[in-house]
Protein backbone atom coordinates (compact mmCIF):
# COMPACT_ATOMS: atom_id res chain seq x y z
CA MET A 1 -7.69 4.64 26.54
CA GLY A 2 -5.67 3.11 29.18
CA ALA A 3 -2.53 4.37 28.17
CA SER A 4 0.25 5.79 30.23
CA ILE A 5 3.53 7.98 29.82
CA PRO A 6 5.64 7.46 32.92
CA ASP A 7 7.78 10.62 32.52
CA GLY A 8 8.39 13.58 30.57
CA TYR A 9 6.61 16.45 30.03
CA PHE A 10 3.55 14.24 28.67
CA LYS A 11 3.43 12.18 31.53
CA TYR A 12 -0.09 11.42 31.86
CA LYS A 13 -2.14 8.11 33.05
CA SER A 14 -5.53 7.40 31.51
CA LYS A 15 -7.77 7.16 34.35
CA TYR A 16 -10.06 5.24 31.75
CA HIS A 17 -9.66 1.00 30.80
CA PRO A 18 -8.31 -0.23 27.58
CA LEU A 19 -11.23 0.03 25.22
CA PRO A 20 -11.25 -2.82 22.33
CA LEU A 21 -12.22 -2.33 19.39
CA THR A 22 -15.92 -3.58 18.62
CA GLU A 23 -16.00 -5.72 15.58
CA TRP A 24 -17.78 -3.33 13.57
CA GLU A 25 -15.33 -0.44 14.23
CA GLN A 26 -12.36 -3.32 13.18
CA MET A 27 -14.52 -4.32 10.20
CA ALA A 28 -14.98 -0.77 9.33
CA ILE A 29 -11.01 -0.05 9.45
CA LEU A 30 -10.25 -3.38 7.46
CA SER A 31 -13.01 -3.06 4.69
CA ALA A 32 -11.38 0.70 4.01
CA ALA A 33 -7.42 -0.14 4.09
CA ALA A 34 -7.83 -3.86 1.96
CA GLY A 35 -11.23 -3.82 0.95
CA ASN A 36 -12.58 -5.67 -1.90
CA THR A 37 -14.53 -2.86 -4.74
CA GLY A 38 -15.86 -5.01 -7.24
CA TRP A 39 -13.69 -5.81 -10.07
CA HIS A 40 -10.40 -4.57 -11.45
CA ASN A 41 -10.78 -2.54 -14.53
CA LEU A 42 -7.49 -3.92 -16.10
CA ILE A 43 -5.15 -2.20 -18.17
CA MET A 44 -6.47 -1.77 -21.64
CA ARG A 45 -3.49 -1.18 -24.06
CA GLY A 46 -0.19 -1.69 -25.04
CA GLU A 47 1.34 -0.64 -28.09
CA ARG A 48 3.85 -3.27 -28.26
CA TYR A 49 1.58 -5.97 -28.41
CA ALA A 50 -1.93 -4.54 -29.29
CA PRO A 51 -4.55 -5.49 -29.82
CA ALA A 52 -3.68 -8.13 -27.53
CA LEU A 53 -4.97 -7.34 -23.93
CA SER A 54 -1.98 -6.62 -21.61
CA ASN A 55 -1.94 -9.37 -18.99
CA TYR A 56 0.25 -7.90 -16.02
CA ALA A 57 -2.48 -8.22 -13.43
CA CYS A 58 -2.83 -11.15 -11.17
CA SER A 59 -5.77 -10.65 -9.77
CA ALA A 60 -9.38 -9.71 -10.78
CA GLY A 61 -10.99 -8.12 -7.75
CA GLY A 62 -10.50 -4.15 -6.82
CA ARG A 63 -9.48 -3.56 -3.65
CA THR A 64 -9.14 -0.15 -2.37
CA PHE A 65 -5.28 0.54 -2.59
CA PRO A 66 -3.25 0.23 -6.00
CA SER A 67 -1.04 -1.82 -7.08
CA ALA A 68 1.11 -1.81 -9.81
CA ALA A 69 0.11 -2.90 -12.93
CA GLY A 70 -2.78 -4.99 -10.23
CA PHE A 71 0.15 -7.49 -9.59
CA HIS A 72 -1.41 -7.16 -5.82
CA THR A 73 0.75 -9.07 -3.99
CA SER A 74 0.04 -8.53 -0.29
CA GLU A 75 -2.50 -9.06 2.38
CA LEU A 76 -3.30 -7.79 5.55
CA PHE A 77 -2.92 -9.51 9.30
CA PHE A 78 -3.87 -7.53 12.28
CA THR A 79 -4.31 -8.64 15.94
CA ASP A 80 -6.14 -7.13 19.24
CA ASP A 81 -6.67 -8.65 22.80
CA ASN A 82 -8.72 -11.75 21.72
CA GLY A 83 -5.93 -13.13 18.80
CA VAL A 84 -4.08 -12.77 15.43
CA TYR A 85 -6.36 -12.65 12.12
CA PHE A 86 -5.67 -12.93 8.90
CA PHE A 87 -7.93 -10.70 6.52
CA GLU A 88 -7.51 -12.51 3.24
CA THR A 89 -8.84 -10.02 0.11
CA ARG A 90 -5.79 -10.58 -2.66
CA ASP A 91 -8.02 -12.48 -4.97
CA ALA A 92 -11.36 -12.20 -3.65
CA PRO A 93 -14.42 -11.55 -6.03
CA GLU A 94 -16.89 -8.69 -5.88
CA LEU A 95 -18.01 -9.43 -2.16
CA ALA A 96 -21.14 -7.22 -2.44
CA SER A 97 -23.54 -5.77 -5.64
CA ARG A 98 -22.37 -2.38 -7.40
CA SER A 99 -25.67 -0.62 -8.03
CA GLU A 100 -26.42 1.45 -11.21
CA ASN A 101 -24.68 4.85 -9.77
CA GLY A 102 -21.83 2.97 -8.84
CA THR A 103 -21.67 2.57 -5.28
CA PHE A 104 -22.02 -0.10 -3.34
CA ASP A 105 -23.92 -0.93 0.42
CA ALA A 106 -22.00 -0.11 2.95
CA GLU A 107 -23.56 -2.65 5.29
CA GLU A 108 -23.47 -5.19 3.07
CA LEU A 109 -19.79 -4.53 1.79
CA ILE A 110 -18.64 -4.53 5.64
CA LYS A 111 -20.73 -7.53 6.20
CA ALA A 112 -19.15 -9.46 3.48
CA HIS A 113 -15.63 -8.97 4.61
CA ARG A 114 -16.31 -10.20 7.72
CA THR A 115 -16.42 -13.75 6.06
CA ARG A 116 -12.60 -13.02 4.91
CA VAL A 117 -10.96 -12.72 8.42
CA ARG A 118 -9.53 -15.74 9.69
CA LYS A 119 -8.12 -16.30 12.85
CA ILE A 120 -4.63 -18.07 12.74
CA SER A 121 -4.00 -17.85 16.88
CA GLU A 122 -5.11 -16.92 20.21
CA GLY A 123 -4.41 -13.89 22.33
CA ARG A 124 -2.09 -10.66 21.22
CA LEU A 125 0.66 -10.63 18.83
CA LYS A 126 3.49 -11.65 21.31
CA ILE A 127 5.85 -8.69 20.32
CA PRO A 128 7.03 -7.65 24.18
CA PRO A 129 6.66 -3.53 24.77
CA GLU A 130 10.67 -2.83 24.46
CA THR A 131 13.07 -2.40 22.43
CA PRO A 132 14.40 -3.51 20.45
CA TYR A 133 11.48 -5.58 19.09
CA VAL A 134 9.80 -1.89 19.12
CA GLU A 135 11.53 1.25 18.69
CA ALA A 136 12.17 3.37 22.09
CA HIS A 137 9.42 5.73 21.47
CA ASN A 138 6.69 3.79 20.89
CA THR A 139 6.83 1.03 23.44
CA TRP A 140 4.44 3.26 25.88
CA VAL A 141 2.04 2.53 23.04
CA VAL A 142 1.97 -0.18 20.16
CA ASN A 143 0.31 -3.19 20.63
CA HIS A 144 -0.66 -2.49 24.47
CA PRO A 145 -4.19 -3.57 25.27
CA GLY A 146 -7.35 -2.59 23.52
CA THR A 147 -5.33 -1.57 20.49
CA THR A 148 -6.17 -3.29 16.88
CA LEU A 149 -2.76 -3.17 15.31
CA ILE A 150 -3.03 -4.06 11.24
CA ILE A 151 -0.20 -5.20 9.59
CA PRO A 152 -0.16 -5.33 6.19
CA VAL A 153 2.60 -8.13 4.59
CA ALA A 154 3.70 -8.13 1.25
CA ASP A 155 4.92 -11.45 -0.78
CA LEU A 156 7.63 -9.46 -2.75
CA ALA A 157 8.82 -12.65 -4.08
CA GLN A 158 5.97 -13.21 -6.35
CA HIS A 159 5.90 -9.30 -7.02
CA VAL A 160 9.44 -9.29 -7.77
CA LEU A 161 8.36 -12.59 -10.46
CA ALA A 162 5.32 -10.59 -11.71
CA GLY A 163 7.97 -7.74 -12.76
CA ILE A 164 10.13 -10.40 -14.43
CA CYS A 165 7.00 -11.50 -16.28
CA TYR A 166 5.97 -7.49 -16.82
CA TYR A 167 9.51 -7.12 -18.71
CA THR A 168 9.37 -10.40 -21.00
CA GLN A 169 5.61 -9.16 -22.26
CA ASN A 170 7.77 -5.90 -22.88
CA GLY A 171 10.70 -7.29 -25.11
CA VAL A 172 13.20 -6.36 -21.39
CA CYS A 173 15.55 -9.49 -19.57
CA PHE A 174 18.38 -8.58 -17.14
CA PHE A 175 21.74 -9.54 -16.17
CA ASP A 176 23.13 -10.15 -12.43
CA ASP A 177 25.43 -6.74 -11.71
CA ILE A 178 25.90 -7.90 -8.69
CA HIS A 179 28.14 -10.51 -9.42
CA GLY A 180 29.03 -8.88 -12.60
CA GLU A 181 27.97 -12.25 -14.96
CA GLU A 182 25.25 -12.30 -17.61
CA ILE A 183 22.45 -14.97 -16.98
CA GLU A 184 23.41 -17.92 -19.01
CA GLY A 185 21.16 -19.50 -21.37
CA LEU A 186 19.02 -16.65 -22.15
CA GLU A 187 20.59 -16.22 -25.69
CA LYS A 188 18.04 -18.65 -26.82
CA PHE A 189 15.11 -16.04 -26.05
CA SER A 190 16.26 -13.81 -28.02
CA GLY A 191 13.41 -13.47 -30.25
CA LEU A 192 11.26 -12.42 -26.88
CA VAL A 193 13.62 -10.39 -25.47
CA ASP A 194 16.61 -7.89 -25.91
CA THR A 195 19.50 -9.84 -25.19
CA GLU A 196 21.75 -7.42 -25.90
CA ASN A 197 20.40 -4.50 -23.90
CA PRO A 198 19.72 -6.54 -20.24
CA LEU A 199 18.66 -4.03 -18.08
CA PRO A 200 20.47 -4.67 -14.35
CA LEU A 201 18.97 -7.07 -11.54
CA SER A 202 19.31 -4.59 -8.92
CA PHE A 203 17.08 -1.97 -10.75
CA LEU A 204 14.49 -5.03 -10.65
CA GLU A 205 14.61 -5.88 -7.21
CA LEU A 206 14.45 -2.43 -5.96
CA TRP A 207 12.18 -1.03 -8.25
CA SER A 208 9.49 -4.01 -6.95
CA PHE A 209 10.39 -3.10 -3.62
CA SER A 210 9.33 0.43 -4.18
CA GLU A 211 5.65 -0.76 -5.63
CA ALA A 212 5.41 -3.26 -2.94
CA THR A 213 6.05 -0.42 -0.28
CA ALA A 214 3.68 1.86 -2.07
CA GLU A 215 0.73 -0.83 -1.80
CA LEU A 216 1.27 -1.12 1.61
CA SER A 217 1.77 2.63 2.40
CA ILE A 218 -1.15 3.43 0.82
CA ALA A 219 -3.58 0.71 2.19
CA CYS A 220 -2.43 1.81 5.79
CA TYR A 221 -3.39 5.78 4.76
CA ALA A 222 -6.63 4.71 3.18
CA GLY A 223 -7.43 3.06 6.91
CA MET A 224 -5.91 6.07 8.87
CA LEU A 225 -9.22 8.01 6.73
CA MET A 226 -11.47 5.89 8.29
CA LEU A 227 -10.00 6.13 11.65
CA GLN A 228 -10.51 10.01 11.15
CA ALA A 229 -13.89 9.76 9.70
CA MET A 230 -14.88 7.08 13.22
CA GLY A 231 -13.25 10.02 15.18
CA LEU A 232 -10.75 6.95 16.36
CA GLY A 233 -7.51 7.34 17.41
CA GLY A 234 -3.91 6.01 15.57
CA TRP A 235 -1.73 6.42 13.14
CA MET A 236 0.54 4.81 10.35
CA PHE A 237 4.28 3.75 11.41
CA ASN A 238 7.07 2.25 11.18
CA GLY A 239 8.64 1.65 14.28
CA VAL A 240 8.16 -1.90 15.28
CA ASP A 241 11.11 -4.36 14.29
CA PRO A 242 10.41 -6.07 10.80
CA PHE A 243 11.90 -9.48 11.80
CA SER A 244 10.23 -9.46 15.04
CA ILE A 245 6.57 -8.95 13.57
CA LEU A 246 7.11 -12.13 11.12
CA GLY A 247 8.91 -13.75 13.91
CA ALA A 248 12.25 -14.34 12.30
CA SER A 249 13.87 -12.53 15.95
CA GLY A 250 15.56 -16.12 16.71
CA LYS A 251 13.71 -15.93 19.75
CA PRO A 252 11.04 -18.53 20.68
CA GLU A 253 9.17 -15.85 22.63
CA VAL A 254 9.34 -13.46 20.28
CA SER A 255 6.91 -15.13 18.18
CA GLY A 256 5.56 -12.40 15.82
CA LEU A 257 2.81 -14.01 13.38
CA GLY A 258 5.64 -17.15 12.75
CA PHE A 259 6.76 -16.83 9.68
CA ARG A 260 9.28 -19.59 8.54
CA TYR A 261 12.39 -18.01 7.91
CA ASP A 262 15.80 -18.91 6.53
CA THR A 263 19.69 -17.41 7.68
CA ASP A 264 22.80 -18.05 5.32
CA ASP A 265 26.04 -16.62 5.95
CA ARG A 266 26.14 -14.73 2.33
CA TRP A 267 23.12 -12.61 4.29
CA ALA A 268 23.08 -10.47 6.99
CA LEU A 269 19.58 -10.97 7.87
CA PRO A 270 16.74 -13.52 8.30
CA ASN A 271 14.87 -13.95 5.23
CA PRO A 272 11.14 -14.78 6.05
CA THR A 273 9.66 -16.45 3.31
CA GLY A 274 5.96 -17.15 4.54
CA LEU A 275 3.40 -18.48 6.55
CA PRO A 276 2.51 -22.19 6.05
CA GLY A 277 -1.17 -22.91 4.84
CA VAL A 278 -2.06 -19.27 5.18
CA PHE A 279 0.47 -17.00 3.62
CA GLU A 280 3.34 -18.63 1.11
CA GLY A 281 5.96 -16.60 -0.84
CA TYR A 282 6.15 -17.39 -4.25
CA THR A 283 9.91 -19.36 -3.39
CA PRO A 284 11.38 -22.13 -2.62
CA PRO A 285 10.47 -24.40 -0.16
CA HIS A 286 7.10 -23.45 -0.98
CA TYR A 287 7.64 -23.98 -4.18
CA ARG A 288 10.26 -26.92 -5.20
CA ASP A 289 11.70 -24.06 -7.88
CA MET A 290 11.31 -21.22 -9.78
CA ARG A 291 9.81 -22.82 -12.46
CA HIS A 292 7.31 -23.96 -10.35
CA ALA A 293 6.58 -21.07 -8.67
CA VAL A 294 5.91 -19.47 -12.32
CA ASP A 295 3.69 -22.00 -13.00
CA ALA A 296 1.62 -20.80 -9.93
CA LEU A 297 1.66 -17.14 -10.63
CA THR A 298 0.27 -18.11 -14.44
CA GLU A 299 -2.55 -20.18 -12.94
CA ARG A 300 -3.49 -16.97 -10.58
CA LYS A 301 -3.59 -15.37 -13.98
CA PHE A 302 -5.66 -17.39 -16.20
CA GLY A 303 -6.82 -20.23 -14.05
CA LYS A 304 -10.18 -20.70 -12.42
CA GLY A 305 -11.14 -16.72 -10.61
CA GLY A 306 -7.74 -15.21 -12.58
CA PRO A 307 -8.29 -11.78 -14.48
CA PHE A 308 -7.62 -13.64 -17.94
CA ASN A 309 -10.02 -16.41 -17.57
CA SER A 310 -13.01 -16.06 -19.69
CA ASP A 311 -15.35 -17.65 -16.70
CA THR A 312 -14.58 -14.92 -14.48
CA PRO A 313 -17.18 -12.23 -13.96
CA GLY A 314 -16.82 -8.93 -14.39
CA TYR A 315 -18.29 -5.15 -15.12
CA TYR A 316 -18.34 -5.50 -19.37
CA LYS A 317 -20.80 -5.98 -21.28
CA ASP A 318 -18.82 -8.99 -23.05
CA THR A 319 -16.71 -9.93 -20.24
CA GLY A 320 -16.05 -13.14 -21.40
CA ALA A 321 -14.78 -11.49 -24.94
CA VAL A 322 -12.50 -8.82 -22.96
CA ARG A 323 -10.81 -11.68 -20.50
CA SER A 324 -9.63 -14.08 -23.38
CA SER A 325 -7.95 -11.16 -25.80
CA ALA A 326 -4.91 -11.41 -23.18
CA VAL A 327 -2.18 -13.91 -24.62
CA PRO A 328 -1.25 -16.00 -22.30
CA HIS A 329 2.05 -17.13 -20.61
CA ASN A 330 3.58 -19.91 -23.38
CA GLU A 331 5.95 -22.56 -22.72
CA GLU A 332 8.75 -20.44 -24.20
CA PHE A 333 7.60 -17.57 -21.99
CA ARG A 334 7.50 -19.47 -18.81
CA ASP A 335 10.66 -21.18 -19.25
CA CYS A 336 12.27 -17.22 -19.93
CA VAL A 337 10.93 -16.08 -16.97
CA ALA A 338 11.88 -19.26 -14.71
CA LEU A 339 15.87 -18.83 -16.01
CA GLN A 340 16.47 -15.44 -14.86
CA ALA A 341 14.24 -16.33 -11.49
CA GLN A 342 16.07 -19.66 -11.06
CA HIS A 343 19.68 -18.16 -11.26
CA ILE A 344 18.69 -15.53 -8.55
CA TYR A 345 17.59 -18.45 -6.21
CA ASP A 346 20.76 -20.36 -6.93
CA ARG A 347 23.38 -17.55 -6.90
CA PHE A 348 21.85 -16.05 -4.10
CA GLY A 349 20.74 -18.86 -1.85
CA LYS A 350 16.88 -16.84 -1.84
CA PHE A 351 14.51 -15.17 -3.85
CA PRO A 352 14.74 -11.93 -4.43
CA GLY A 353 18.78 -11.90 -4.27
CA THR A 354 18.96 -8.52 -2.95
CA VAL A 355 15.55 -8.27 -0.85
CA PRO A 356 13.04 -9.84 1.52
CA SER A 357 10.90 -12.49 0.17
CA ILE A 358 8.27 -11.42 2.60
CA PHE A 359 8.14 -7.98 3.44
CA VAL A 360 6.01 -5.77 5.94
CA MET A 361 6.69 -1.65 6.44
CA PRO A 362 4.54 0.10 7.59
CA TYR A 363 1.66 -0.56 9.88
CA LEU A 364 -1.47 0.68 11.33
CA GLN A 365 -2.92 0.85 14.69
CA ALA A 366 -6.39 1.78 15.91
CA HIS A 367 -7.77 2.67 19.15
CA HIS A 368 -10.08 4.56 21.33
CA LEU A 369 -8.54 8.05 22.59
CA ASP A 370 -8.94 9.34 26.35
CA LEU A 371 -9.46 12.93 24.69
CA GLU A 372 -9.09 14.63 28.89
CA PHE A 373 -5.36 13.84 27.69
CA TYR A 374 -5.61 16.28 24.55
CA ASP A 375 -7.47 18.66 26.49
CA HIS A 376 -4.50 19.05 29.62
CA PHE A 377 -2.59 19.54 26.99
CA TYR A 378 -3.26 21.62 23.79
CA LYS A 379 -4.86 24.45 22.59
CA LYS A 380 -8.29 23.67 21.26
CA GLY A 381 -8.52 22.00 17.66
CA ALA A 382 -6.47 19.15 18.99
CA TYR A 383 -8.76 16.78 17.77
CA LEU A 384 -12.31 16.54 15.56
CA LYS A 385 -15.78 16.32 16.10
CA THR A 386 -15.73 12.97 15.11
CA HIS A 387 -13.02 12.32 17.99
CA GLU A 388 -16.02 14.41 20.01
CA MET A 389 -18.53 12.35 19.41
CA HIS A 390 -17.14 9.37 18.95
CA MET A 391 -18.01 7.49 22.31
CA GLU A 392 -22.14 9.04 22.33
CA ARG A 393 -22.03 7.97 18.27
CA TRP A 394 -20.75 4.17 18.53
CA HIS A 395 -20.97 3.40 22.54
CA PRO A 396 -23.65 4.86 23.08
CA GLU A 397 -24.43 2.53 26.02
CA ILE A 398 -20.90 3.52 28.22
């Protein structure tokens, strides 16, 4: 509603004004995309270190999309006509009570998720509807008045760090195949990892990149399913410049989400590292060095509210016994992880070395459909019954 296609076969101007989503509509989509689903069930057994519990997970709370080994390193940002917002569910505890039949009350759950929204700036995200900021085929529709644009963001630095922890737990270490060198000092950890058969660093980072992309994509897809169920329009896509989205376009007037970023002659592209005080990547300058980041990740896992803290609630009959049965990351373990991570940071000037510290792609947009456009250009069946009934069901006053 309110859109215009200025030329071509689909030339059309909606006669309606843009209709923003209501708060309830927004929260239903956000809750579907990245809502809390109670407590994460953890991974129950790893043969190499049995009978100890797997200690991979970083979050005690579950969400509507899966995450590799329960790392959960992403969060959602979104924007509408009124502002830019942060939807923080990564480390949320159980937000609503689960019934004995395993379900939640939808209204209670959505109201609880509303408390996880934080406004971080006034007005719509500053991304001009033109190239190179928005792909040419999306300039007519993306981030326009009335739309809600959802932006999942992954802390890829933390994801790679959690990956090194995962591999260390399984006796694996890495060598720097980009520079053609071993990581100096790893030999002293030969009792912990197989220093004779390290894996290439590029594999670790590409694998982590793929895992994080799956996390973001499935979040968008879950939100997309809710759009169809509710009768809203929208789609998941990647046609917006990620650096402009994060705020690393190099143009002050294209501030995006306002993430800080660095440039370096060794890199072809800028490297966003985080939004201070809101979403900070597990890398300098947000941490003084990579050992500090490792300690922070260890605290996220084993500290207050973490998945391996005996005081964190859960669904087990003896939750404290379950959560305390994972082996903590001791000094030797953290030293081994930090040594490899610091090598990457020192040699590449950033962490990770070959992929961004912060990553976005794809996005999800939600908006109200002008069904007359489809009636004009398409045969019957172009939209669902939910789309046909949306205004009557959700906006009877209009």
